[in-house]
Amino acid sequence: MHPEIKLARENAERNLREGLDTENQLIKDYLEGYEFRGDGGDHTPNEFEEVLLIDAVGGLAGDEKFRALVAKNESLRRLLDSLPQR
């Protein structure tokens, strides 16, 4: 493999790992202290439920279809923001 391509690949892999680590930390930070508030009462997840929430949100955030949908929606938001108002 050409040295520049190898270096580019190594940098991209490192940046991806760092980005995924940051995503995981954002998920944990968001869910830390999460409390459900509903008409039937409130609920603070116990330690086990917190692990389940982190796993579920992390799994969704890593799903290719979900990420593609989020990217598409973000592109549409940017497009709408760039167009004049009616």
N, C-alpha and C. Protein backbone atom coordinates (compact mmCIF):
# COMPACT_ATOMS: atom_id res chain seq x y z
N MET A 1 0.85 -1.18 0.00
CA MET A 1 0.00 0.00 0.00
C MET A 1 0.90 1.24 0.00
N HIS A 2 0.49 2.22 -0.76
CA HIS A 2 1.24 3.47 -0.86
C HIS A 2 1.30 4.14 0.51
N PRO A 3 2.46 4.70 0.92
CA PRO A 3 2.60 5.28 2.25
C PRO A 3 1.57 6.36 2.58
N GLU A 4 1.23 7.22 1.59
CA GLU A 4 0.25 8.27 1.87
C GLU A 4 -1.14 7.69 2.10
N ILE A 5 -1.47 6.64 1.36
CA ILE A 5 -2.77 6.00 1.54
C ILE A 5 -2.81 5.31 2.90
N LYS A 6 -1.71 4.65 3.26
CA LYS A 6 -1.64 3.98 4.56
C LYS A 6 -1.81 5.00 5.68
N LEU A 7 -1.13 6.14 5.59
CA LEU A 7 -1.23 7.18 6.61
C LEU A 7 -2.65 7.75 6.67
N ALA A 8 -3.25 7.99 5.51
CA ALA A 8 -4.62 8.51 5.47
C ALA A 8 -5.57 7.53 6.13
N ARG A 9 -5.38 6.24 5.84
CA ARG A 9 -6.24 5.21 6.44
C ARG A 9 -6.06 5.16 7.95
N GLU A 10 -4.82 5.20 8.42
CA GLU A 10 -4.56 5.18 9.86
C GLU A 10 -5.19 6.39 10.54
N ASN A 11 -5.07 7.57 9.92
CA ASN A 11 -5.66 8.77 10.50
C ASN A 11 -7.18 8.68 10.54
N ALA A 12 -7.77 8.18 9.45
CA ALA A 12 -9.23 8.04 9.41
C ALA A 12 -9.71 7.04 10.47
N GLU A 13 -8.99 5.93 10.63
CA GLU A 13 -9.37 4.94 11.64
C GLU A 13 -9.27 5.52 13.04
N ARG A 14 -8.19 6.27 13.30
CA ARG A 14 -8.01 6.89 14.62
C ARG A 14 -9.13 7.92 14.88
N ASN A 15 -9.41 8.74 13.87
CA ASN A 15 -10.46 9.75 14.04
C ASN A 15 -11.83 9.11 14.23
N LEU A 16 -12.08 8.01 13.54
CA LEU A 16 -13.35 7.30 13.72
C LEU A 16 -13.46 6.76 15.14
N ARG A 17 -12.39 6.11 15.62
CA ARG A 17 -12.41 5.60 17.00
C ARG A 17 -12.68 6.72 18.00
N GLU A 18 -11.99 7.84 17.82
CA GLU A 18 -12.19 8.98 18.72
C GLU A 18 -13.62 9.50 18.63
N GLY A 19 -14.14 9.58 17.41
CA GLY A 19 -15.52 10.04 17.22
C GLY A 19 -16.53 9.11 17.87
N LEU A 20 -16.32 7.81 17.74
CA LEU A 20 -17.23 6.84 18.36
C LEU A 20 -17.13 6.90 19.88
N ASP A 21 -15.92 7.08 20.40
CA ASP A 21 -15.76 7.24 21.84
C ASP A 21 -16.51 8.47 22.33
N THR A 22 -16.43 9.55 21.56
CA THR A 22 -17.13 10.79 21.92
C THR A 22 -18.64 10.58 21.87
N GLU A 23 -19.13 9.88 20.85
CA GLU A 23 -20.57 9.57 20.77
C GLU A 23 -21.01 8.80 22.00
N ASN A 24 -20.25 7.77 22.36
CA ASN A 24 -20.61 6.95 23.52
C ASN A 24 -20.62 7.80 24.80
N GLN A 25 -19.67 8.70 24.93
CA GLN A 25 -19.63 9.55 26.12
C GLN A 25 -20.81 10.51 26.13
N LEU A 26 -21.19 11.04 24.97
CA LEU A 26 -22.36 11.92 24.90
C LEU A 26 -23.63 11.18 25.31
N ILE A 27 -23.75 9.93 24.88
CA ILE A 27 -24.90 9.12 25.26
C ILE A 27 -24.93 8.94 26.78
N LYS A 28 -23.80 8.57 27.35
CA LYS A 28 -23.72 8.37 28.81
C LYS A 28 -24.02 9.67 29.55
N ASP A 29 -23.45 10.77 29.08
CA ASP A 29 -23.68 12.07 29.72
C ASP A 29 -25.15 12.47 29.65
N TYR A 30 -25.77 12.23 28.49
CA TYR A 30 -27.18 12.57 28.32
C TYR A 30 -28.06 11.76 29.27
N LEU A 31 -27.75 10.48 29.40
CA LEU A 31 -28.60 9.61 30.21
C LEU A 31 -28.29 9.68 31.71
N GLU A 32 -27.14 10.26 32.04
CA GLU A 32 -26.80 10.40 33.46
C GLU A 32 -27.81 11.34 34.11
N GLY A 33 -28.44 10.87 35.12
CA GLY A 33 -29.44 11.68 35.80
C GLY A 33 -30.77 11.73 35.08
N TYR A 34 -30.92 10.90 34.02
CA TYR A 34 -32.19 10.87 33.30
C TYR A 34 -33.30 10.44 34.24
N GLU A 35 -34.43 11.11 34.10
CA GLU A 35 -35.59 10.77 34.90
C GLU A 35 -36.82 10.84 34.02
N PHE A 36 -37.60 9.77 34.03
CA PHE A 36 -38.84 9.75 33.26
C PHE A 36 -39.90 10.53 34.02
N ARG A 37 -40.58 11.42 33.33
CA ARG A 37 -41.67 12.17 33.95
C ARG A 37 -42.93 11.92 33.12
N GLY A 38 -43.95 11.39 33.78
CA GLY A 38 -45.19 11.09 33.08
C GLY A 38 -46.39 11.40 33.94
N ASP A 39 -47.56 11.33 33.34
CA ASP A 39 -48.79 11.63 34.07
C ASP A 39 -49.02 10.65 35.21
N GLY A 40 -48.54 9.40 35.03
CA GLY A 40 -48.73 8.39 36.06
C GLY A 40 -47.66 8.43 37.14
N GLY A 41 -46.74 9.37 37.05
CA GLY A 41 -45.67 9.48 38.04
C GLY A 41 -44.31 9.53 37.38
N ASP A 42 -43.32 9.75 38.19
CA ASP A 42 -41.95 9.85 37.71
C ASP A 42 -41.19 8.56 38.04
N HIS A 43 -40.10 8.35 37.30
CA HIS A 43 -39.28 7.17 37.56
C HIS A 43 -37.82 7.49 37.25
N THR A 44 -36.96 7.24 38.19
CA THR A 44 -35.53 7.35 37.98
C THR A 44 -34.98 5.95 37.76
N PRO A 45 -34.34 5.70 36.62
CA PRO A 45 -33.84 4.35 36.35
C PRO A 45 -32.82 3.90 37.40
N ASN A 46 -32.91 2.63 37.75
CA ASN A 46 -31.89 2.08 38.64
C ASN A 46 -30.64 1.77 37.80
N GLU A 47 -29.61 1.26 38.42
CA GLU A 47 -28.34 1.02 37.71
C GLU A 47 -28.51 0.07 36.53
N PHE A 48 -29.29 -0.99 36.71
CA PHE A 48 -29.52 -1.95 35.63
C PHE A 48 -30.27 -1.30 34.47
N GLU A 49 -31.33 -0.56 34.79
CA GLU A 49 -32.10 0.11 33.75
C GLU A 49 -31.25 1.14 33.00
N GLU A 50 -30.35 1.80 33.71
CA GLU A 50 -29.46 2.77 33.08
C GLU A 50 -28.55 2.09 32.06
N VAL A 51 -28.04 0.90 32.41
CA VAL A 51 -27.21 0.14 31.48
C VAL A 51 -28.02 -0.23 30.24
N LEU A 52 -29.27 -0.64 30.44
CA LEU A 52 -30.13 -0.98 29.31
C LEU A 52 -30.37 0.23 28.41
N LEU A 53 -30.62 1.38 29.01
CA LEU A 53 -30.86 2.59 28.23
C LEU A 53 -29.62 2.96 27.41
N ILE A 54 -28.46 2.92 28.05
CA ILE A 54 -27.21 3.25 27.35
C ILE A 54 -26.99 2.29 26.19
N ASP A 55 -27.24 1.01 26.42
CA ASP A 55 -27.06 0.01 25.36
C ASP A 55 -28.05 0.25 24.22
N ALA A 56 -29.31 0.53 24.57
CA ALA A 56 -30.33 0.73 23.53
C ALA A 56 -30.05 1.97 22.70
N VAL A 57 -29.75 3.07 23.35
CA VAL A 57 -29.47 4.31 22.62
C VAL A 57 -28.19 4.17 21.81
N GLY A 58 -27.18 3.54 22.38
CA GLY A 58 -25.94 3.31 21.65
C GLY A 58 -26.15 2.43 20.43
N GLY A 59 -26.98 1.41 20.58
CA GLY A 59 -27.28 0.53 19.45
C GLY A 59 -28.01 1.28 18.35
N LEU A 60 -28.98 2.09 18.72
CA LEU A 60 -29.71 2.87 17.73
C LEU A 60 -28.78 3.86 17.04
N ALA A 61 -27.94 4.55 17.82
CA ALA A 61 -27.02 5.54 17.25
C ALA A 61 -26.03 4.88 16.30
N GLY A 62 -25.72 3.61 16.49
CA GLY A 62 -24.78 2.92 15.63
C GLY A 62 -25.41 2.20 14.45
N ASP A 63 -26.74 2.20 14.38
CA ASP A 63 -27.44 1.50 13.30
C ASP A 63 -27.28 2.27 11.99
N GLU A 64 -26.86 1.58 10.94
CA GLU A 64 -26.59 2.24 9.65
C GLU A 64 -27.84 2.91 9.07
N LYS A 65 -28.97 2.25 9.15
CA LYS A 65 -30.20 2.84 8.61
C LYS A 65 -30.59 4.09 9.38
N PHE A 66 -30.45 4.03 10.69
CA PHE A 66 -30.78 5.19 11.52
C PHE A 66 -29.84 6.36 11.22
N ARG A 67 -28.55 6.07 11.12
CA ARG A 67 -27.57 7.12 10.83
C ARG A 67 -27.82 7.73 9.46
N ALA A 68 -28.19 6.91 8.49
CA ALA A 68 -28.48 7.42 7.15
C ALA A 68 -29.71 8.33 7.19
N LEU A 69 -30.72 7.94 7.94
CA LEU A 69 -31.92 8.76 8.07
C LEU A 69 -31.62 10.09 8.75
N VAL A 70 -30.84 10.04 9.81
CA VAL A 70 -30.46 11.28 10.51
C VAL A 70 -29.67 12.19 9.57
N ALA A 71 -28.74 11.62 8.80
CA ALA A 71 -27.95 12.42 7.86
C ALA A 71 -28.85 13.04 6.79
N LYS A 72 -29.80 12.26 6.28
CA LYS A 72 -30.74 12.77 5.27
C LYS A 72 -31.57 13.91 5.84
N ASN A 73 -32.10 13.72 7.04
CA ASN A 73 -32.92 14.76 7.67
C ASN A 73 -32.11 16.02 7.94
N GLU A 74 -30.87 15.86 8.34
CA GLU A 74 -30.01 17.02 8.59
C GLU A 74 -29.75 17.77 7.28
N SER A 75 -29.54 17.05 6.20
CA SER A 75 -29.35 17.69 4.90
C SER A 75 -30.59 18.47 4.49
N LEU A 76 -31.76 17.90 4.73
CA LEU A 76 -33.01 18.59 4.41
C LEU A 76 -33.19 19.83 5.28
N ARG A 77 -32.82 19.74 6.56
CA ARG A 77 -32.89 20.92 7.44
C ARG A 77 -32.00 22.04 6.93
N ARG A 78 -30.78 21.67 6.55
CA ARG A 78 -29.85 22.68 6.03
C ARG A 78 -30.37 23.29 4.74
N LEU A 79 -30.93 22.47 3.88
CA LEU A 79 -31.50 22.98 2.64
C LEU A 79 -32.63 23.96 2.95
N LEU A 80 -33.55 23.58 3.82
CA LEU A 80 -34.66 24.46 4.17
C LEU A 80 -34.17 25.76 4.80
N ASP A 81 -33.15 25.67 5.65
CA ASP A 81 -32.60 26.86 6.30
C ASP A 81 -31.96 27.81 5.28
N SER A 82 -31.48 27.24 4.16
CA SER A 82 -30.80 28.08 3.16
C SER A 82 -31.77 28.73 2.19
N LEU A 83 -33.02 28.28 2.17
CA LEU A 83 -34.03 28.81 1.24
C LEU A 83 -34.78 29.97 1.89
N PRO A 84 -35.20 30.93 1.08
CA PRO A 84 -35.98 32.05 1.62
C PRO A 84 -37.29 31.56 2.25
N GLN A 85 -37.74 32.30 3.24
CA GLN A 85 -39.04 31.99 3.86
C GLN A 85 -40.15 32.34 2.89
N ARG A 86 -41.28 31.75 3.07
CA ARG A 86 -42.42 32.00 2.17
C ARG A 86 -42.90 33.42 2.25
